[in-house]
Amino acid sequence: MKRRTWDETLPVAYLGKAFAPVRFEQFEDADARSSRSIGYDAVGACCYYRHFFCLTRVVLEEDDLFGEEESFYEEVIAWKLANGKWLKRTERGGNACGCSGGHPVYETGDHRPR
């Protein structure tokens, strides 16, 4: 099965158990390095959520020039499951939190993230 953008990080065990969005609302603030996507199913109910943001800091590079460095990022993705629960995937990383990222945490809950 070919994966689509909305389900590319959905664990294989949950394929077919999450509602598929047919319409999306996209919000982006390039200056704040943040974005949010909300997906709706065929009856208009929210069934997908994703947000991402990145915090940077100014650093002095080797050439005595200023640059930006990613100090923290967070990505949260959530899918509404057929049983009414939400499966949430959270990934955080960056230099400020002392983690390189790439280790998402999955959990289920009764409500979608905000």
PDB file of N, CA and C in Angstrom:
ATOM      1  N   MET A   1       0.849  -1.174   0.000  1.00  0.00           N
ATOM      2  CA  MET A   1       0.000   0.000   0.000  1.00  0.00           C
ATOM      3  C   MET A   1       0.898   1.242   0.000  1.00  0.00           C
ATOM      4  N   LYS A   2       0.626   2.142  -0.945  1.00  0.00           N
ATOM      5  CA  LYS A   2       1.404   3.381  -1.017  1.00  0.00           C
ATOM      6  C   LYS A   2       0.965   4.311   0.117  1.00  0.00           C
ATOM      7  N   ARG A   3       1.947   4.853   0.833  1.00  0.00           N
ATOM      8  CA  ARG A   3       1.647   5.748   1.948  1.00  0.00           C
ATOM      9  C   ARG A   3       1.453   7.165   1.419  1.00  0.00           C
ATOM     10  N   ARG A   4       0.510   7.875   2.019  1.00  0.00           N
ATOM     11  CA  ARG A   4       0.264   9.270   1.690  1.00  0.00           C
ATOM     12  C   ARG A   4       0.908  10.131   2.763  1.00  0.00           C
ATOM     13  N   THR A   5       0.974  11.409   2.523  1.00  0.00           N
ATOM     14  CA  THR A   5       1.634  12.298   3.474  1.00  0.00           C
ATOM     15  C   THR A   5       1.002  12.216   4.860  1.00  0.00           C
ATOM     16  N   TRP A   6      -0.302  12.157   4.943  1.00  0.00           N
ATOM     17  CA  TRP A   6      -0.972  12.189   6.247  1.00  0.00           C
ATOM     18  C   TRP A   6      -0.735  10.922   7.066  1.00  0.00           C
ATOM     19  N   ASP A   7      -0.376   9.817   6.415  1.00  0.00           N
ATOM     20  CA  ASP A   7      -0.196   8.581   7.183  1.00  0.00           C
ATOM     21  C   ASP A   7       1.215   8.005   7.099  1.00  0.00           C
ATOM     22  N   GLU A   8       2.178   8.784   6.621  1.00  0.00           N
ATOM     23  CA  GLU A   8       3.518   8.224   6.431  1.00  0.00           C
ATOM     24  C   GLU A   8       4.213   7.850   7.741  1.00  0.00           C
ATOM     25  N   THR A   9       3.831   8.436   8.854  1.00  0.00           N
ATOM     26  CA  THR A   9       4.422   8.060  10.145  1.00  0.00           C
ATOM     27  C   THR A   9       3.445   7.271  11.023  1.00  0.00           C
ATOM     28  N   LEU A  10       2.299   6.934  10.461  1.00  0.00           N
ATOM     29  CA  LEU A  10       1.330   6.105  11.175  1.00  0.00           C
ATOM     30  C   LEU A  10       1.884   4.683  11.262  1.00  0.00           C
ATOM     31  N   PRO A  11       1.970   4.118  12.472  1.00  0.00           N
ATOM     32  CA  PRO A  11       2.492   2.750  12.592  1.00  0.00           C
ATOM     33  C   PRO A  11       1.674   1.762  11.752  1.00  0.00           C
ATOM     34  N   VAL A  12       2.354   0.791  11.187  1.00  0.00           N
ATOM     35  CA  VAL A  12       1.717  -0.195  10.310  1.00  0.00           C
ATOM     36  C   VAL A  12       0.536  -0.868  11.002  1.00  0.00           C
ATOM     37  N   ALA A  13       0.644  -1.117  12.290  1.00  0.00           N
ATOM     38  CA  ALA A  13      -0.437  -1.777  13.037  1.00  0.00           C
ATOM     39  C   ALA A  13      -1.731  -0.965  13.028  1.00  0.00           C
ATOM     40  N   TYR A  14      -1.645   0.342  12.749  1.00  0.00           N
ATOM     41  CA  TYR A  14      -2.825   1.198  12.762  1.00  0.00           C
ATOM     42  C   TYR A  14      -3.339   1.527  11.366  1.00  0.00           C
ATOM     43  N   LEU A  15      -2.675   1.057  10.322  1.00  0.00           N
ATOM     44  CA  LEU A  15      -3.171   1.286   8.966  1.00  0.00           C
ATOM     45  C   LEU A  15      -4.548   0.646   8.839  1.00  0.00           C
ATOM     46  N   GLY A  16      -5.476   1.368   8.284  1.00  0.00           N
ATOM     47  CA  GLY A  16      -6.838   0.862   8.162  1.00  0.00           C
ATOM     48  C   GLY A  16      -7.685   1.097   9.397  1.00  0.00           C
ATOM     49  N   LYS A  17      -7.082   1.549  10.490  1.00  0.00           N
ATOM     50  CA  LYS A  17      -7.824   1.832  11.726  1.00  0.00           C
ATOM     51  C   LYS A  17      -8.005   3.329  11.949  1.00  0.00           C
ATOM     52  N   ALA A  18      -7.352   4.140  11.122  1.00  0.00           N
ATOM     53  CA  ALA A  18      -7.446   5.595  11.250  1.00  0.00           C
ATOM     54  C   ALA A  18      -8.341   6.134  10.138  1.00  0.00           C
ATOM     55  N   PHE A  19      -9.150   7.126  10.465  1.00  0.00           N
ATOM     56  CA  PHE A  19      -9.986   7.769   9.457  1.00  0.00           C
ATOM     57  C   PHE A  19      -9.097   8.514   8.468  1.00  0.00           C
ATOM     58  N   ALA A  20      -9.459   8.457   7.204  1.00  0.00           N
ATOM     59  CA  ALA A  20      -8.679   9.133   6.158  1.00  0.00           C
ATOM     60  C   ALA A  20      -9.243  10.527   5.907  1.00  0.00           C
ATOM     61  N   PRO A  21      -8.416  11.546   6.021  1.00  0.00           N
ATOM     62  CA  PRO A  21      -8.896  12.898   5.722  1.00  0.00           C
ATOM     63  C   PRO A  21      -9.090  13.084   4.219  1.00  0.00           C
ATOM     64  N   VAL A  22     -10.139  13.820   3.870  1.00  0.00           N
ATOM     65  CA  VAL A  22     -10.401  14.134   2.460  1.00  0.00           C
ATOM     66  C   VAL A  22     -10.237  15.631   2.189  1.00  0.00           C
ATOM     67  N   ARG A  23     -10.146  16.421   3.262  1.00  0.00           N
ATOM     68  CA  ARG A  23      -9.973  17.874   3.130  1.00  0.00           C
ATOM     69  C   ARG A  23      -9.049  18.343   4.240  1.00  0.00           C
ATOM     70  N   PHE A  24      -8.201  19.312   3.903  1.00  0.00           N
ATOM     71  CA  PHE A  24      -7.228  19.834   4.865  1.00  0.00           C
ATOM     72  C   PHE A  24      -7.326  21.345   4.971  1.00  0.00           C
ATOM     73  N   GLU A  25      -7.071  21.852   6.168  1.00  0.00           N
ATOM     74  CA  GLU A  25      -6.816  23.275   6.387  1.00  0.00           C
ATOM     75  C   GLU A  25      -5.341  23.380   6.737  1.00  0.00           C
ATOM     76  N   GLN A  26      -4.638  24.279   6.065  1.00  0.00           N
ATOM     77  CA  GLN A  26      -3.202  24.453   6.281  1.00  0.00           C
ATOM     78  C   GLN A  26      -2.955  25.865   6.808  1.00  0.00           C
ATOM     79  N   PHE A  27      -2.141  25.954   7.820  1.00  0.00           N
ATOM     80  CA  PHE A  27      -1.747  27.241   8.393  1.00  0.00           C
ATOM     81  C   PHE A  27      -0.229  27.247   8.482  1.00  0.00           C
ATOM     82  N   GLU A  28       0.382  28.361   8.064  1.00  0.00           N
ATOM     83  CA  GLU A  28       1.843  28.423   8.119  1.00  0.00           C
ATOM     84  C   GLU A  28       2.285  29.842   8.446  1.00  0.00           C
ATOM     85  N   ASP A  29       3.289  29.941   9.285  1.00  0.00           N
ATOM     86  CA  ASP A  29       3.927  31.212   9.604  1.00  0.00           C
ATOM     87  C   ASP A  29       5.421  31.009   9.400  1.00  0.00           C
ATOM     88  N   ALA A  30       5.900  31.401   8.225  1.00  0.00           N
ATOM     89  CA  ALA A  30       7.306  31.170   7.878  1.00  0.00           C
ATOM     90  C   ALA A  30       8.245  31.924   8.815  1.00  0.00           C
ATOM     91  N   ASP A  31       7.860  33.131   9.219  1.00  0.00           N
ATOM     92  CA  ASP A  31       8.717  33.910  10.117  1.00  0.00           C
ATOM     93  C   ASP A  31       8.869  33.231  11.475  1.00  0.00           C
ATOM     94  N   ALA A  32       7.808  32.602  11.943  1.00  0.00           N
ATOM     95  CA  ALA A  32       7.849  31.914  13.237  1.00  0.00           C
ATOM     96  C   ALA A  32       8.282  30.457  13.098  1.00  0.00           C
ATOM     97  N   ARG A  33       8.540  30.038  11.889  1.00  0.00           N
ATOM     98  CA  ARG A  33       8.929  28.642  11.611  1.00  0.00           C
ATOM     99  C   ARG A  33       7.945  27.662  12.242  1.00  0.00           C
ATOM    100  N   SER A  34       6.676  27.872  11.921  1.00  0.00           N
ATOM    101  CA  SER A  34       5.650  26.990  12.474  1.00  0.00           C
ATOM    102  C   SER A  34       4.591  26.697  11.414  1.00  0.00           C
ATOM    103  N   SER A  35       3.942  25.557  11.572  1.00  0.00           N
ATOM    104  CA  SER A  35       2.856  25.188  10.667  1.00  0.00           C
ATOM    105  C   SER A  35       1.874  24.291  11.404  1.00  0.00           C
ATOM    106  N   ARG A  36       0.649  24.267  10.871  1.00  0.00           N
ATOM    107  CA  ARG A  36      -0.382  23.397  11.427  1.00  0.00           C
ATOM    108  C   ARG A  36      -1.266  22.919  10.285  1.00  0.00           C
ATOM    109  N   SER A  37      -1.654  21.650  10.341  1.00  0.00           N
ATOM    110  CA  SER A  37      -2.574  21.056   9.373  1.00  0.00           C
ATOM    111  C   SER A  37      -3.682  20.364  10.146  1.00  0.00           C
ATOM    112  N   ILE A  38      -4.899  20.570   9.692  1.00  0.00           N
ATOM    113  CA  ILE A  38      -6.046  19.888  10.279  1.00  0.00           C
ATOM    114  C   ILE A  38      -6.775  19.194   9.143  1.00  0.00           C
ATOM    115  N   GLY A  39      -7.029  17.897   9.304  1.00  0.00           N
ATOM    116  CA  GLY A  39      -7.702  17.115   8.279  1.00  0.00           C
ATOM    117  C   GLY A  39      -9.103  16.723   8.714  1.00  0.00           C
ATOM    118  N   TYR A  40     -10.010  16.681   7.735  1.00  0.00           N
ATOM    119  CA  TYR A  40     -11.410  16.353   7.991  1.00  0.00           C
ATOM    120  C   TYR A  40     -11.828  15.167   7.137  1.00  0.00           C
ATOM    121  N   ASP A  41     -12.661  14.307   7.706  1.00  0.00           N
ATOM    122  CA  ASP A  41     -13.126  13.132   6.965  1.00  0.00           C
ATOM    123  C   ASP A  41     -14.299  13.506   6.054  1.00  0.00           C
ATOM    124  N   ALA A  42     -14.911  12.507   5.430  1.00  0.00           N
ATOM    125  CA  ALA A  42     -15.967  12.732   4.443  1.00  0.00           C
ATOM    126  C   ALA A  42     -17.211  13.397   5.028  1.00  0.00           C
ATOM    127  N   VAL A  43     -17.449  13.255   6.332  1.00  0.00           N
ATOM    128  CA  VAL A  43     -18.614  13.898   6.946  1.00  0.00           C
ATOM    129  C   VAL A  43     -18.256  15.221   7.621  1.00  0.00           C
ATOM    130  N   GLY A  44     -17.012  15.662   7.487  1.00  0.00           N
ATOM    131  CA  GLY A  44     -16.592  16.950   8.022  1.00  0.00           C
ATOM    132  C   GLY A  44     -16.050  16.925   9.434  1.00  0.00           C
ATOM    133  N   ALA A  45     -15.868  15.743  10.002  1.00  0.00           N
ATOM    134  CA  ALA A  45     -15.321  15.639  11.363  1.00  0.00           C
ATOM    135  C   ALA A  45     -13.793  15.663  11.314  1.00  0.00           C
ATOM    136  N   CYS A  46     -13.193  16.302  12.302  1.00  0.00           N
ATOM    137  CA  CYS A  46     -11.730  16.363  12.382  1.00  0.00           C
ATOM    138  C   CYS A  46     -11.186  14.959  12.650  1.00  0.00           C
ATOM    139  N   CYS A  47     -10.228  14.534  11.818  1.00  0.00           N
ATOM    140  CA  CYS A  47      -9.678  13.183  11.983  1.00  0.00           C
ATOM    141  C   CYS A  47      -8.151  13.157  11.912  1.00  0.00           C
ATOM    142  N   TYR A  48      -7.531  14.324  11.685  1.00  0.00           N
ATOM    143  CA  TYR A  48      -6.072  14.376  11.559  1.00  0.00           C
ATOM    144  C   TYR A  48      -5.602  15.732  12.068  1.00  0.00           C
ATOM    145  N   TYR A  49      -4.458  15.730  12.733  1.00  0.00           N
ATOM    146  CA  TYR A  49      -3.882  16.972  13.249  1.00  0.00           C
ATOM    147  C   TYR A  49      -2.362  16.873  13.175  1.00  0.00           C
ATOM    148  N   ARG A  50      -1.726  17.969  12.793  1.00  0.00           N
ATOM    149  CA  ARG A  50      -0.261  18.028  12.803  1.00  0.00           C
ATOM    150  C   ARG A  50       0.168  19.461  13.086  1.00  0.00           C
ATOM    151  N   HIS A  51       1.139  19.627  13.988  1.00  0.00           N
ATOM    152  CA  HIS A  51       1.784  20.934  14.124  1.00  0.00           C
ATOM    153  C   HIS A  51       3.288  20.733  14.216  1.00  0.00           C
ATOM    154  N   PHE A  52       3.992  21.755  13.801  1.00  0.00           N
ATOM    155  CA  PHE A  52       5.446  21.754  13.844  1.00  0.00           C
ATOM    156  C   PHE A  52       5.896  23.164  14.176  1.00  0.00           C
ATOM    157  N   PHE A  53       6.895  23.278  15.033  1.00  0.00           N
ATOM    158  CA  PHE A  53       7.545  24.572  15.229  1.00  0.00           C
ATOM    159  C   PHE A  53       9.010  24.347  15.536  1.00  0.00           C
ATOM    160  N   CYS A  54       9.779  25.372  15.262  1.00  0.00           N
ATOM    161  CA  CYS A  54      11.225  25.304  15.440  1.00  0.00           C
ATOM    162  C   CYS A  54      11.695  26.615  16.059  1.00  0.00           C
ATOM    163  N   LEU A  55      12.461  26.515  17.122  1.00  0.00           N
ATOM    164  CA  LEU A  55      13.070  27.687  17.750  1.00  0.00           C
ATOM    165  C   LEU A  55      14.548  27.699  17.387  1.00  0.00           C
ATOM    166  N   THR A  56      15.044  28.865  17.041  1.00  0.00           N
ATOM    167  CA  THR A  56      16.453  28.981  16.672  1.00  0.00           C
ATOM    168  C   THR A  56      17.134  30.001  17.570  1.00  0.00           C
ATOM    169  N   ARG A  57      18.447  29.975  17.524  1.00  0.00           N
ATOM    170  CA  ARG A  57      19.223  30.988  18.237  1.00  0.00           C
ATOM    171  C   ARG A  57      20.352  31.437  17.322  1.00  0.00           C
ATOM    172  N   VAL A  58      20.786  32.651  17.540  1.00  0.00           N
ATOM    173  CA  VAL A  58      21.881  33.215  16.752  1.00  0.00           C
ATOM    174  C   VAL A  58      23.199  32.727  17.346  1.00  0.00           C
ATOM    175  N   VAL A  59      24.082  32.260  16.482  1.00  0.00           N
ATOM    176  CA  VAL A  59      25.395  31.772  16.917  1.00  0.00           C
ATOM    177  C   VAL A  59      26.481  32.458  16.093  1.00  0.00           C
ATOM    178  N   LEU A  60      27.643  32.558  16.672  1.00  0.00           N
ATOM    179  CA  LEU A  60      28.801  33.104  15.976  1.00  0.00           C
ATOM    180  C   LEU A  60      29.563  31.936  15.357  1.00  0.00           C
ATOM    181  N   GLU A  61      29.676  31.969  14.039  1.00  0.00           N
ATOM    182  CA  GLU A  61      30.332  30.876  13.326  1.00  0.00           C
ATOM    183  C   GLU A  61      31.832  31.118  13.231  1.00  0.00           C
ATOM    184  N   GLU A  62      32.550  30.160  12.691  1.00  0.00           N
ATOM    185  CA  GLU A  62      34.013  30.215  12.616  1.00  0.00           C
ATOM    186  C   GLU A  62      34.548  31.442  11.883  1.00  0.00           C
ATOM    187  N   ASP A  63      33.821  31.909  10.886  1.00  0.00           N
ATOM    188  CA  ASP A  63      34.283  33.046  10.081  1.00  0.00           C
ATOM    189  C   ASP A  63      33.910  34.386  10.695  1.00  0.00           C
ATOM    190  N   ASP A  64      33.582  34.399  11.972  1.00  0.00           N
ATOM    191  CA  ASP A  64      33.100  35.595  12.667  1.00  0.00           C
ATOM    192  C   ASP A  64      31.842  36.165  12.023  1.00  0.00           C
ATOM    193  N   LEU A  65      31.049  35.281  11.465  1.00  0.00           N
ATOM    194  CA  LEU A  65      29.757  35.658  10.902  1.00  0.00           C
ATOM    195  C   LEU A  65      28.665  35.063  11.784  1.00  0.00           C
ATOM    196  N   PHE A  66      27.536  35.745  11.806  1.00  0.00           N
ATOM    197  CA  PHE A  66      26.416  35.244  12.595  1.00  0.00           C
ATOM    198  C   PHE A  66      25.565  34.313  11.748  1.00  0.00           C
ATOM    199  N   GLY A  67      25.101  33.273  12.360  1.00  0.00           N
ATOM    200  CA  GLY A  67      24.208  32.321  11.708  1.00  0.00           C
ATOM    201  C   GLY A  67      23.149  31.871  12.690  1.00  0.00           C
ATOM    202  N   GLU A  68      22.254  31.038  12.213  1.00  0.00           N
ATOM    203  CA  GLU A  68      21.197  30.510  13.072  1.00  0.00           C
ATOM    204  C   GLU A  68      21.401  29.019  13.282  1.00  0.00           C
ATOM    205  N   GLU A  69      21.038  28.582  14.471  1.00  0.00           N
ATOM    206  CA  GLU A  69      21.142  27.173  14.828  1.00  0.00           C
ATOM    207  C   GLU A  69      19.800  26.736  15.416  1.00  0.00           C
ATOM    208  N   GLU A  70      19.349  25.554  15.018  1.00  0.00           N
ATOM    209  CA  GLU A  70      18.108  25.017  15.570  1.00  0.00           C
ATOM    210  C   GLU A  70      18.347  24.633  17.023  1.00  0.00           C
ATOM    211  N   SER A  71      17.619  25.289  17.937  1.00  0.00           N
ATOM    212  CA  SER A  71      17.810  24.936  19.335  1.00  0.00           C
ATOM    213  C   SER A  71      16.727  24.006  19.867  1.00  0.00           C
ATOM    214  N   PHE A  72      15.542  24.046  19.276  1.00  0.00           N
ATOM    215  CA  PHE A  72      14.477  23.148  19.718  1.00  0.00           C
ATOM    216  C   PHE A  72      13.443  23.033  18.618  1.00  0.00           C
ATOM    217  N   TYR A  73      12.901  21.839  18.433  1.00  0.00           N
ATOM    218  CA  TYR A  73      11.759  21.671  17.535  1.00  0.00           C
ATOM    219  C   TYR A  73      10.785  20.670  18.144  1.00  0.00           C
ATOM    220  N   GLU A  74       9.544  20.794  17.716  1.00  0.00           N
ATOM    221  CA  GLU A  74       8.515  19.845  18.134  1.00  0.00           C
ATOM    222  C   GLU A  74       7.604  19.583  16.953  1.00  0.00           C
ATOM    223  N   GLU A  75       7.295  18.309  16.748  1.00  0.00           N
ATOM    224  CA  GLU A  75       6.291  17.914  15.769  1.00  0.00           C
ATOM    225  C   GLU A  75       5.317  16.980  16.468  1.00  0.00           C
ATOM    226  N   VAL A  76       4.041  17.305  16.371  1.00  0.00           N
ATOM    227  CA  VAL A  76       2.987  16.460  16.926  1.00  0.00           C
ATOM    228  C   VAL A  76       2.041  16.107  15.786  1.00  0.00           C
ATOM    229  N   ILE A  77       1.777  14.818  15.630  1.00  0.00           N
ATOM    230  CA  ILE A  77       0.830  14.327  14.635  1.00  0.00           C
ATOM    231  C   ILE A  77      -0.171  13.450  15.371  1.00  0.00           C
ATOM    232  N   ALA A  78      -1.454  13.583  15.023  1.00  0.00           N
ATOM    233  CA  ALA A  78      -2.479  12.759  15.666  1.00  0.00           C
ATOM    234  C   ALA A  78      -3.496  12.295  14.631  1.00  0.00           C
ATOM    235  N   TRP A  79      -3.934  11.058  14.813  1.00  0.00           N
ATOM    236  CA  TRP A  79      -4.914  10.446  13.922  1.00  0.00           C
ATOM    237  C   TRP A  79      -6.093   9.969  14.757  1.00  0.00           C
ATOM    238  N   LYS A  80      -7.308  10.218  14.267  1.00  0.00           N
ATOM    239  CA  LYS A  80      -8.491   9.690  14.957  1.00  0.00           C
ATOM    240  C   LYS A  80      -8.697   8.250  14.507  1.00  0.00           C
ATOM    241  N   LEU A  81      -8.830   7.364  15.479  1.00  0.00           N
ATOM    242  CA  LEU A  81      -8.987   5.940  15.203  1.00  0.00           C
ATOM    243  C   LEU A  81     -10.466   5.554  15.177  1.00  0.00           C
ATOM    244  N   ALA A  82     -10.753   4.413  14.576  1.00  0.00           N
ATOM    245  CA  ALA A  82     -12.129   3.934  14.450  1.00  0.00           C
ATOM    246  C   ALA A  82     -12.802   3.732  15.806  1.00  0.00           C
ATOM    247  N   ASN A  83     -12.032   3.479  16.861  1.00  0.00           N
ATOM    248  CA  ASN A  83     -12.610   3.286  18.201  1.00  0.00           C
ATOM    249  C   ASN A  83     -12.881   4.606  18.925  1.00  0.00           C
ATOM    250  N   GLY A  84     -12.644   5.740  18.238  1.00  0.00           N
ATOM    251  CA  GLY A  84     -12.906   7.053  18.825  1.00  0.00           C
ATOM    252  C   GLY A  84     -11.728   7.668  19.552  1.00  0.00           C
ATOM    253  N   LYS A  85     -10.692   6.899  19.795  1.00  0.00           N
ATOM    254  CA  LYS A  85      -9.478   7.412  20.451  1.00  0.00           C
ATOM    255  C   LYS A  85      -8.604   8.132  19.423  1.00  0.00           C
ATOM    256  N   TRP A  86      -7.655   8.904  19.945  1.00  0.00           N
ATOM    257  CA  TRP A  86      -6.658   9.563  19.108  1.00  0.00           C
ATOM    258  C   TRP A  86      -5.300   8.932  19.375  1.00  0.00           C
ATOM    259  N   LEU A  87      -4.583   8.605  18.310  1.00  0.00           N
ATOM    260  CA  LEU A  87      -3.200   8.150  18.415  1.00  0.00           C
ATOM    261  C   LEU A  87      -2.325   9.364  18.154  1.00  0.00           C
ATOM    262  N   LYS A  88      -1.474   9.703  19.116  1.00  0.00           N
ATOM    263  CA  LYS A  88      -0.636  10.901  19.011  1.00  0.00           C
ATOM    264  C   LYS A  88       0.829  10.504  18.929  1.00  0.00           C
ATOM    265  N   ARG A  89       1.541  11.122  18.003  1.00  0.00           N
ATOM    266  CA  ARG A  89       2.987  10.927  17.823  1.00  0.00           C
ATOM    267  C   ARG A  89       3.671  12.254  18.124  1.00  0.00           C
ATOM    268  N   THR A  90       4.588  12.273  19.082  1.00  0.00           N
ATOM    269  CA  THR A  90       5.315  13.486  19.448  1.00  0.00           C
ATOM    270  C   THR A  90       6.802  13.248  19.260  1.00  0.00           C
ATOM    271  N   GLU A  91       7.436  14.184  18.575  1.00  0.00           N
ATOM    272  CA  GLU A  91       8.893  14.129  18.411  1.00  0.00           C
ATOM    273  C   GLU A  91       9.461  15.498  18.750  1.00  0.00           C
ATOM    274  N   ARG A  92      10.467  15.506  19.611  1.00  0.00           N
ATOM    275  CA  ARG A  92      11.137  16.747  20.006  1.00  0.00           C
ATOM    276  C   ARG A  92      12.630  16.568  19.825  1.00  0.00           C
ATOM    277  N   GLY A  93      13.312  17.663  19.539  1.00  0.00           N
ATOM    278  CA  GLY A  93      14.754  17.582  19.383  1.00  0.00           C
ATOM    279  C   GLY A  93      15.371  18.962  19.317  1.00  0.00           C
ATOM    280  N   GLY A  94      16.663  18.992  19.064  1.00  0.00           N
ATOM    281  CA  GLY A  94      17.393  20.244  18.967  1.00  0.00           C
ATOM    282  C   GLY A  94      18.502  20.320  19.991  1.00  0.00           C
ATOM    283  N   ASN A  95      19.380  21.277  19.806  1.00  0.00           N
ATOM    284  CA  ASN A  95      20.547  21.421  20.677  1.00  0.00           C
ATOM    285  C   ASN A  95      20.194  21.839  22.101  1.00  0.00           C
ATOM    286  N   ALA A  96      19.147  22.626  22.284  1.00  0.00           N
ATOM    287  CA  ALA A  96      18.821  23.143  23.618  1.00  0.00           C
ATOM    288  C   ALA A  96      18.309  22.059  24.559  1.00  0.00           C
ATOM    289  N   CYS A  97      17.653  21.058  24.019  1.00  0.00           N
ATOM    290  CA  CYS A  97      17.099  20.025  24.906  1.00  0.00           C
ATOM    291  C   CYS A  97      18.040  18.841  25.064  1.00  0.00           C
ATOM    292  N   GLY A  98      19.199  18.900  24.445  1.00  0.00           N
ATOM    293  CA  GLY A  98      20.184  17.840  24.613  1.00  0.00           C
ATOM    294  C   GLY A  98      19.831  16.542  23.920  1.00  0.00           C
ATOM    295  N   CYS A  99      18.907  16.619  22.965  1.00  0.00           N
ATOM    296  CA  CYS A  99      18.550  15.402  22.235  1.00  0.00           C
ATOM    297  C   CYS A  99      18.608  15.685  20.742  1.00  0.00           C
ATOM    298  N   SER A 100      18.945  14.692  20.001  1.00  0.00           N
ATOM    299  CA  SER A 100      19.082  14.875  18.560  1.00  0.00           C
ATOM    300  C   SER A 100      17.777  14.638  17.828  1.00  0.00           C
ATOM    301  N   GLY A 101      16.761  14.171  18.521  1.00  0.00           N
ATOM    302  CA  GLY A 101      15.488  13.892  17.877  1.00  0.00           C
ATOM    303  C   GLY A 101      15.492  12.522  17.231  1.00  0.00           C
ATOM    304  N   GLY A 102      14.473  12.268  16.460  1.00  0.00           N
ATOM    305  CA  GLY A 102      14.382  11.003  15.770  1.00  0.00           C
ATOM    306  C   GLY A 102      13.822   9.868  16.594  1.00  0.00           C
ATOM    307  N   HIS A 103      13.401  10.143  17.823  1.00  0.00           N
ATOM    308  CA  HIS A 103      12.830   9.113  18.686  1.00  0.00           C
ATOM    309  C   HIS A 103      11.413   9.526  19.074  1.00  0.00           C
ATOM    310  N   PRO A 104      10.450   9.287  18.200  1.00  0.00           N
ATOM    311  CA  PRO A 104       9.088   9.711  18.508  1.00  0.00           C
ATOM    312  C   PRO A 104       8.461   8.869  19.612  1.00  0.00           C
ATOM    313  N   VAL A 105       7.511   9.478  20.294  1.00  0.00           N
ATOM    314  CA  VAL A 105       6.746   8.816  21.346  1.00  0.00           C
ATOM    315  C   VAL A 105       5.298   8.736  20.868  1.00  0.00           C
ATOM    316  N   TYR A 106       4.711   7.550  20.948  1.00  0.00           N
ATOM    317  CA  TYR A 106       3.317   7.343  20.567  1.00  0.00           C
ATOM    318  C   TYR A 106       2.488   7.113  21.823  1.00  0.00           C
ATOM    319  N   GLU A 107       1.280   7.699  21.844  1.00  0.00           N
ATOM    320  CA  GLU A 107       0.353   7.468  22.948  1.00  0.00           C
ATOM    321  C   GLU A 107      -1.070   7.671  22.451  1.00  0.00           C
ATOM    322  N   THR A 108      -2.030   7.069  23.127  1.00  0.00           N
ATOM    323  CA  THR A 108      -3.430   7.254  22.761  1.00  0.00           C
ATOM    324  C   THR A 108      -4.122   8.085  23.829  1.00  0.00           C
ATOM    325  N   GLY A 109      -5.168   8.776  23.394  1.00  0.00           N
ATOM    326  CA  GLY A 109      -5.933   9.607  24.310  1.00  0.00           C
ATOM    327  C   GLY A 109      -7.328   9.843  23.774  1.00  0.00           C
ATOM    328  N   ASP A 110      -8.144  10.504  24.584  1.00  0.00           N
ATOM    329  CA  ASP A 110      -9.536  10.752  24.217  1.00  0.00           C
ATOM    330  C   ASP A 110      -9.731  11.997  23.367  1.00  0.00           C
ATOM    331  N   HIS A 111      -8.739  12.892  23.340  1.00  0.00           N
ATOM    332  CA  HIS A 111      -8.896  14.170  22.646  1.00  0.00           C
ATOM    333  C   HIS A 111      -7.714  14.420  21.724  1.00  0.00           C
ATOM    334  N   ARG A 112      -7.973  15.185  20.680  1.00  0.00           N
ATOM    335  CA  ARG A 112      -6.869  15.540  19.791  1.00  0.00           C
ATOM    336  C   ARG A 112      -6.044  16.645  20.432  1.00  0.00           C
ATOM    337  N   PRO A 113      -4.778  16.731  20.068  1.00  0.00           N
ATOM    338  CA  PRO A 113      -3.940  17.821  20.596  1.00  0.00           C
ATOM    339  C   PRO A 113      -4.472  19.175  20.137  1.00  0.00           C
ATOM    340  N   ARG A 114      -4.092  20.195  20.822  1.00  0.00           N
ATOM    341  CA  ARG A 114      -4.487  21.568  20.458  1.00  0.00           C
ATOM    342  C   ARG A 114      -3.265  22.370  20.147  1.00  0.00           C
TER     343      ARG A 114
END
